[in-house]
Amino acid sequence: QVQLVESGGGLVQAGDSLTLSCAASVRTFSGYAMGWFRQAPGKEREFVAAINWSGGSTHYTDSVKGRFTISRDNAKNTVSLQMNSLKPEDTAVYYCAARRDYIGSYYYTEYDYMYWGQGTQVTVSS
């Protein structure tokens, strides 16, 4: 089993930066592809960013390209989401997700992921 715990959410103003972290309790973290998703009130959960096992390949939804950066530290079993130039429309609960991966790919649909964290709230005021 994989347990994921997100942290770093909070209330910020538009234009501010915030870094989310996700700690994974797993023996071979480097064997997992990771992703970040978010769910705003009244909306479906949506993909934000993904990273492959090595960190060499990443993918972002268009609305966050150039503002958000996903990264991972396999030695510390963590994946991070650096969020810059935050906008009110970034307000959501952010979820970390993981899936076992053997081919070095990243994944960007929630159905690809088997393990999920409990989420951390990010609120951006205008």
N, C-alpha and C. Protein backbone atom coordinates (compact mmCIF):
# COMPACT_ATOMS: atom_id res chain seq x y z
N GLN A 1 0.84 -1.20 0.00
CA GLN A 1 0.00 0.00 0.00
C GLN A 1 0.87 1.24 0.00
N VAL A 2 0.33 2.28 -0.58
CA VAL A 2 1.01 3.57 -0.63
C VAL A 2 0.15 4.59 0.08
N GLN A 3 0.73 5.28 1.02
CA GLN A 3 0.03 6.37 1.69
C GLN A 3 0.67 7.69 1.26
N LEU A 4 -0.19 8.64 0.91
CA LEU A 4 0.26 9.95 0.46
C LEU A 4 -0.30 11.02 1.37
N VAL A 5 0.55 11.93 1.79
CA VAL A 5 0.12 13.01 2.68
C VAL A 5 0.59 14.34 2.10
N GLU A 6 -0.39 15.17 1.75
CA GLU A 6 -0.09 16.48 1.20
C GLU A 6 0.06 17.51 2.32
N SER A 7 0.82 18.55 2.03
CA SER A 7 0.96 19.66 2.96
C SER A 7 1.32 20.91 2.17
N GLY A 8 1.19 22.05 2.83
CA GLY A 8 1.61 23.29 2.21
C GLY A 8 0.51 24.19 1.70
N GLY A 9 -0.73 23.72 1.79
CA GLY A 9 -1.83 24.56 1.34
C GLY A 9 -2.05 25.75 2.26
N GLY A 10 -2.87 26.67 1.81
CA GLY A 10 -3.17 27.83 2.64
C GLY A 10 -3.91 28.90 1.88
N LEU A 11 -4.04 30.05 2.53
CA LEU A 11 -4.71 31.21 1.95
C LEU A 11 -3.66 32.22 1.51
N VAL A 12 -3.68 32.57 0.24
CA VAL A 12 -2.72 33.52 -0.30
C VAL A 12 -3.46 34.54 -1.16
N GLN A 13 -2.76 35.58 -1.54
CA GLN A 13 -3.34 36.59 -2.42
C GLN A 13 -2.93 36.32 -3.86
N ALA A 14 -3.71 36.84 -4.77
CA ALA A 14 -3.40 36.70 -6.19
C ALA A 14 -1.99 37.24 -6.46
N GLY A 15 -1.23 36.47 -7.24
CA GLY A 15 0.14 36.85 -7.54
C GLY A 15 1.17 36.23 -6.63
N ASP A 16 0.73 35.69 -5.52
CA ASP A 16 1.65 35.05 -4.57
C ASP A 16 2.09 33.68 -5.07
N SER A 17 3.03 33.11 -4.33
CA SER A 17 3.52 31.77 -4.62
C SER A 17 3.24 30.85 -3.44
N LEU A 18 3.17 29.57 -3.74
CA LEU A 18 2.93 28.56 -2.73
C LEU A 18 3.54 27.26 -3.22
N THR A 19 4.10 26.48 -2.30
CA THR A 19 4.65 25.18 -2.67
C THR A 19 3.93 24.08 -1.90
N LEU A 20 3.36 23.16 -2.63
CA LEU A 20 2.73 21.99 -2.03
C LEU A 20 3.73 20.84 -2.02
N SER A 21 3.65 20.04 -0.99
CA SER A 21 4.49 18.85 -0.89
C SER A 21 3.62 17.63 -0.65
N CYS A 22 4.11 16.51 -1.11
CA CYS A 22 3.41 15.24 -0.91
C CYS A 22 4.45 14.21 -0.48
N ALA A 23 4.25 13.67 0.70
CA ALA A 23 5.16 12.65 1.23
C ALA A 23 4.53 11.28 1.03
N ALA A 24 5.31 10.38 0.47
CA ALA A 24 4.82 9.03 0.18
C ALA A 24 5.48 8.01 1.09
N SER A 25 4.64 7.18 1.66
CA SER A 25 5.17 6.09 2.49
C SER A 25 5.21 4.83 1.63
N VAL A 26 6.32 4.64 0.99
CA VAL A 26 6.49 3.50 0.11
C VAL A 26 7.98 3.19 0.05
N ARG A 27 8.31 1.91 -0.12
CA ARG A 27 9.71 1.53 -0.08
C ARG A 27 10.47 1.94 -1.34
N THR A 28 9.80 1.83 -2.49
CA THR A 28 10.48 2.12 -3.76
C THR A 28 9.78 3.26 -4.48
N PHE A 29 9.91 4.44 -3.92
CA PHE A 29 9.22 5.61 -4.46
C PHE A 29 9.59 5.85 -5.91
N SER A 30 10.82 5.52 -6.28
CA SER A 30 11.26 5.75 -7.65
C SER A 30 10.54 4.85 -8.65
N GLY A 31 9.76 3.90 -8.16
CA GLY A 31 9.00 3.05 -9.06
C GLY A 31 7.60 3.56 -9.33
N TYR A 32 7.32 4.78 -8.93
CA TYR A 32 5.97 5.34 -9.07
C TYR A 32 5.98 6.63 -9.88
N ALA A 33 5.03 6.74 -10.78
CA ALA A 33 4.73 8.00 -11.42
C ALA A 33 3.80 8.78 -10.50
N MET A 34 3.96 10.09 -10.49
CA MET A 34 3.20 10.92 -9.56
C MET A 34 2.44 12.01 -10.30
N GLY A 35 1.37 12.46 -9.68
CA GLY A 35 0.59 13.53 -10.29
C GLY A 35 -0.06 14.41 -9.25
N TRP A 36 -0.44 15.59 -9.69
CA TRP A 36 -1.22 16.51 -8.87
C TRP A 36 -2.54 16.79 -9.60
N PHE A 37 -3.62 16.75 -8.85
CA PHE A 37 -4.94 17.08 -9.37
C PHE A 37 -5.56 18.11 -8.44
N ARG A 38 -6.62 18.73 -8.88
CA ARG A 38 -7.31 19.68 -8.01
C ARG A 38 -8.81 19.64 -8.28
N GLN A 39 -9.57 20.03 -7.27
CA GLN A 39 -11.02 20.06 -7.39
C GLN A 39 -11.53 21.34 -6.76
N ALA A 40 -12.12 22.17 -7.58
CA ALA A 40 -12.72 23.40 -7.10
C ALA A 40 -14.17 23.13 -6.69
N PRO A 41 -14.74 23.97 -5.84
CA PRO A 41 -16.12 23.75 -5.39
C PRO A 41 -17.09 23.68 -6.57
N GLY A 42 -17.90 22.65 -6.57
CA GLY A 42 -18.89 22.49 -7.62
C GLY A 42 -18.35 22.00 -8.95
N LYS A 43 -17.08 21.67 -8.98
CA LYS A 43 -16.48 21.21 -10.24
C LYS A 43 -15.89 19.82 -10.07
N GLU A 44 -15.63 19.17 -11.21
CA GLU A 44 -15.00 17.87 -11.17
C GLU A 44 -13.50 18.01 -10.91
N ARG A 45 -12.93 16.95 -10.42
CA ARG A 45 -11.49 16.95 -10.21
C ARG A 45 -10.78 17.01 -11.56
N GLU A 46 -9.72 17.82 -11.63
CA GLU A 46 -9.01 17.99 -12.89
C GLU A 46 -7.51 17.79 -12.70
N PHE A 47 -6.88 17.39 -13.78
CA PHE A 47 -5.44 17.20 -13.80
C PHE A 47 -4.72 18.53 -13.73
N VAL A 48 -3.60 18.55 -13.00
CA VAL A 48 -2.77 19.75 -12.91
C VAL A 48 -1.38 19.49 -13.49
N ALA A 49 -0.69 18.48 -12.94
CA ALA A 49 0.68 18.23 -13.38
C ALA A 49 1.04 16.78 -13.09
N ALA A 50 1.99 16.26 -13.86
CA ALA A 50 2.44 14.89 -13.67
C ALA A 50 3.94 14.80 -13.90
N ILE A 51 4.54 13.78 -13.29
CA ILE A 51 5.97 13.58 -13.42
C ILE A 51 6.26 12.10 -13.45
N ASN A 52 7.23 11.70 -14.26
CA ASN A 52 7.55 10.29 -14.33
C ASN A 52 8.48 9.89 -13.18
N TRP A 53 8.87 8.62 -13.13
CA TRP A 53 9.59 8.11 -11.97
C TRP A 53 10.92 8.82 -11.73
N SER A 54 11.58 9.21 -12.79
CA SER A 54 12.90 9.81 -12.64
C SER A 54 12.86 11.33 -12.49
N GLY A 55 11.73 11.92 -12.84
CA GLY A 55 11.66 13.37 -12.86
C GLY A 55 12.08 13.97 -14.17
N GLY A 56 12.43 13.13 -15.11
CA GLY A 56 12.91 13.61 -16.39
C GLY A 56 11.83 14.01 -17.36
N SER A 57 10.60 13.59 -17.09
CA SER A 57 9.47 13.95 -17.95
C SER A 57 8.35 14.51 -17.11
N THR A 58 7.83 15.64 -17.54
CA THR A 58 6.72 16.28 -16.84
C THR A 58 5.67 16.72 -17.83
N HIS A 59 4.49 16.96 -17.30
CA HIS A 59 3.36 17.37 -18.15
C HIS A 59 2.44 18.24 -17.32
N TYR A 60 1.88 19.27 -17.95
CA TYR A 60 1.03 20.21 -17.24
C TYR A 60 -0.25 20.48 -18.01
N THR A 61 -1.28 20.80 -17.30
CA THR A 61 -2.47 21.29 -17.96
C THR A 61 -2.17 22.71 -18.45
N ASP A 62 -2.83 23.11 -19.53
CA ASP A 62 -2.49 24.38 -20.16
C ASP A 62 -2.61 25.58 -19.22
N SER A 63 -3.58 25.55 -18.34
CA SER A 63 -3.84 26.72 -17.50
C SER A 63 -2.75 27.01 -16.48
N VAL A 64 -1.86 26.05 -16.25
CA VAL A 64 -0.80 26.27 -15.26
C VAL A 64 0.60 26.29 -15.87
N LYS A 65 0.69 26.03 -17.16
CA LYS A 65 2.00 26.03 -17.83
C LYS A 65 2.68 27.38 -17.66
N GLY A 66 3.96 27.34 -17.28
CA GLY A 66 4.71 28.56 -17.08
C GLY A 66 4.57 29.14 -15.68
N ARG A 67 3.59 28.63 -14.91
CA ARG A 67 3.39 29.14 -13.53
C ARG A 67 3.68 28.07 -12.48
N PHE A 68 3.35 26.82 -12.79
CA PHE A 68 3.54 25.73 -11.84
C PHE A 68 4.70 24.85 -12.29
N THR A 69 5.40 24.28 -11.31
CA THR A 69 6.48 23.35 -11.59
C THR A 69 6.37 22.15 -10.67
N ILE A 70 6.33 20.97 -11.27
CA ILE A 70 6.31 19.74 -10.49
C ILE A 70 7.72 19.19 -10.43
N SER A 71 8.09 18.66 -9.27
CA SER A 71 9.41 18.07 -9.11
C SER A 71 9.32 16.96 -8.07
N ARG A 72 10.36 16.16 -8.00
CA ARG A 72 10.35 15.06 -7.03
C ARG A 72 11.75 14.85 -6.49
N ASP A 73 11.80 14.31 -5.28
CA ASP A 73 13.05 13.93 -4.65
C ASP A 73 12.91 12.48 -4.23
N ASN A 74 13.46 11.59 -5.02
CA ASN A 74 13.29 10.16 -4.75
C ASN A 74 14.02 9.72 -3.50
N ALA A 75 15.02 10.45 -3.09
CA ALA A 75 15.73 10.11 -1.85
C ALA A 75 14.89 10.42 -0.62
N LYS A 76 13.98 11.40 -0.77
CA LYS A 76 13.14 11.81 0.36
C LYS A 76 11.69 11.35 0.21
N ASN A 77 11.40 10.63 -0.87
CA ASN A 77 10.04 10.15 -1.11
C ASN A 77 9.02 11.29 -1.15
N THR A 78 9.38 12.35 -1.82
CA THR A 78 8.47 13.49 -1.90
C THR A 78 8.31 13.99 -3.33
N VAL A 79 7.15 14.54 -3.59
CA VAL A 79 6.88 15.24 -4.84
C VAL A 79 6.32 16.61 -4.47
N SER A 80 6.73 17.61 -5.20
CA SER A 80 6.34 18.98 -4.87
C SER A 80 5.67 19.66 -6.06
N LEU A 81 4.89 20.66 -5.75
CA LEU A 81 4.27 21.48 -6.78
C LEU A 81 4.52 22.93 -6.40
N GLN A 82 5.42 23.56 -7.13
CA GLN A 82 5.71 24.98 -6.92
C GLN A 82 4.72 25.77 -7.74
N MET A 83 3.96 26.63 -7.09
CA MET A 83 2.91 27.39 -7.76
C MET A 83 3.23 28.88 -7.66
N ASN A 84 3.46 29.50 -8.79
CA ASN A 84 3.76 30.94 -8.84
C ASN A 84 2.63 31.68 -9.53
N SER A 85 2.60 32.98 -9.33
CA SER A 85 1.60 33.84 -9.97
C SER A 85 0.20 33.27 -9.81
N LEU A 86 -0.13 32.93 -8.60
CA LEU A 86 -1.42 32.30 -8.33
C LEU A 86 -2.58 33.21 -8.68
N LYS A 87 -3.66 32.60 -9.15
CA LYS A 87 -4.86 33.31 -9.54
C LYS A 87 -6.04 32.80 -8.72
N PRO A 88 -7.07 33.60 -8.57
CA PRO A 88 -8.26 33.13 -7.83
C PRO A 88 -8.81 31.83 -8.40
N GLU A 89 -8.70 31.63 -9.70
CA GLU A 89 -9.22 30.40 -10.30
C GLU A 89 -8.37 29.17 -9.98
N ASP A 90 -7.24 29.36 -9.31
CA ASP A 90 -6.45 28.23 -8.84
C ASP A 90 -6.98 27.70 -7.50
N THR A 91 -7.94 28.38 -6.93
CA THR A 91 -8.52 27.95 -5.67
C THR A 91 -9.15 26.57 -5.81
N ALA A 92 -8.74 25.64 -4.97
CA ALA A 92 -9.22 24.26 -5.06
C ALA A 92 -8.58 23.44 -3.94
N VAL A 93 -9.09 22.24 -3.79
CA VAL A 93 -8.39 21.24 -2.99
C VAL A 93 -7.43 20.52 -3.93
N TYR A 94 -6.18 20.46 -3.55
CA TYR A 94 -5.15 19.84 -4.38
C TYR A 94 -4.82 18.46 -3.84
N TYR A 95 -4.81 17.49 -4.75
CA TYR A 95 -4.57 16.10 -4.40
C TYR A 95 -3.30 15.58 -5.06
N CYS A 96 -2.56 14.81 -4.31
CA CYS A 96 -1.40 14.10 -4.81
C CYS A 96 -1.85 12.69 -5.17
N ALA A 97 -1.31 12.14 -6.25
CA ALA A 97 -1.69 10.80 -6.68
C ALA A 97 -0.45 10.03 -7.14
N ALA A 98 -0.54 8.71 -7.02
CA ALA A 98 0.60 7.85 -7.39
C ALA A 98 0.11 6.60 -8.10
N ARG A 99 0.96 6.09 -8.99
CA ARG A 99 0.70 4.80 -9.60
C ARG A 99 2.02 4.12 -9.89
N ARG A 100 2.00 2.82 -9.80
CA ARG A 100 3.18 2.03 -10.12
C ARG A 100 3.47 2.20 -11.60
N ASP A 101 4.75 2.35 -11.94
CA ASP A 101 5.09 2.55 -13.35
C ASP A 101 6.36 1.80 -13.69
N TYR A 102 6.35 1.11 -14.82
CA TYR A 102 7.50 0.32 -15.23
C TYR A 102 8.13 0.81 -16.52
N ILE A 103 7.52 1.82 -17.13
CA ILE A 103 7.98 2.24 -18.46
C ILE A 103 8.48 3.67 -18.51
N GLY A 104 8.48 4.36 -17.37
CA GLY A 104 9.02 5.70 -17.36
C GLY A 104 8.11 6.77 -17.90
N SER A 105 6.80 6.51 -17.87
CA SER A 105 5.85 7.47 -18.42
C SER A 105 5.25 8.34 -17.33
N TYR A 106 4.55 9.39 -17.76
CA TYR A 106 3.71 10.15 -16.84
C TYR A 106 2.26 9.92 -17.24
N TYR A 107 1.33 10.27 -16.37
CA TYR A 107 -0.08 9.98 -16.60
C TYR A 107 -0.91 11.19 -16.21
N TYR A 108 -1.96 11.46 -16.97
CA TYR A 108 -2.70 12.70 -16.74
C TYR A 108 -4.21 12.53 -16.66
N THR A 109 -4.68 11.30 -16.45
CA THR A 109 -6.09 11.12 -16.12
C THR A 109 -6.17 10.48 -14.74
N GLU A 110 -7.22 10.84 -14.01
CA GLU A 110 -7.32 10.32 -12.64
C GLU A 110 -7.51 8.82 -12.62
N TYR A 111 -8.02 8.27 -13.70
CA TYR A 111 -8.25 6.83 -13.74
C TYR A 111 -6.95 6.05 -13.84
N ASP A 112 -5.87 6.72 -14.19
CA ASP A 112 -4.57 6.06 -14.26
C ASP A 112 -3.94 5.86 -12.89
N TYR A 113 -4.44 6.58 -11.89
CA TYR A 113 -3.80 6.57 -10.58
C TYR A 113 -4.55 5.69 -9.59
N MET A 114 -3.78 4.97 -8.81
CA MET A 114 -4.37 4.04 -7.86
C MET A 114 -4.40 4.60 -6.45
N TYR A 115 -3.44 5.45 -6.12
CA TYR A 115 -3.31 5.93 -4.74
C TYR A 115 -3.48 7.44 -4.70
N TRP A 116 -4.21 7.90 -3.66
CA TRP A 116 -4.53 9.32 -3.53
C TRP A 116 -4.31 9.80 -2.11
N GLY A 117 -3.90 11.05 -1.99
CA GLY A 117 -3.82 11.68 -0.69
C GLY A 117 -5.16 12.25 -0.29
N GLN A 118 -5.20 12.86 0.88
CA GLN A 118 -6.46 13.38 1.41
C GLN A 118 -6.77 14.80 0.91
N GLY A 119 -5.77 15.42 0.31
CA GLY A 119 -5.96 16.75 -0.26
C GLY A 119 -5.55 17.87 0.69
N THR A 120 -5.18 18.99 0.10
CA THR A 120 -4.83 20.18 0.87
C THR A 120 -5.47 21.39 0.19
N GLN A 121 -6.08 22.25 0.98
CA GLN A 121 -6.83 23.38 0.42
C GLN A 121 -5.90 24.52 0.04
N VAL A 122 -6.10 25.03 -1.15
CA VAL A 122 -5.42 26.25 -1.60
C VAL A 122 -6.48 27.27 -1.94
N THR A 123 -6.42 28.42 -1.30
CA THR A 123 -7.37 29.49 -1.55
C THR A 123 -6.60 30.74 -1.96
N VAL A 124 -6.97 31.27 -3.11
CA VAL A 124 -6.31 32.47 -3.63
C VAL A 124 -7.32 33.60 -3.67
N SER A 125 -7.06 34.61 -2.90
CA SER A 125 -7.98 35.76 -2.85
C SER A 125 -7.57 36.81 -3.88
N SER A 126 -8.55 37.52 -4.37
CA SER A 126 -8.28 38.53 -5.41
C SER A 126 -7.96 39.89 -4.80
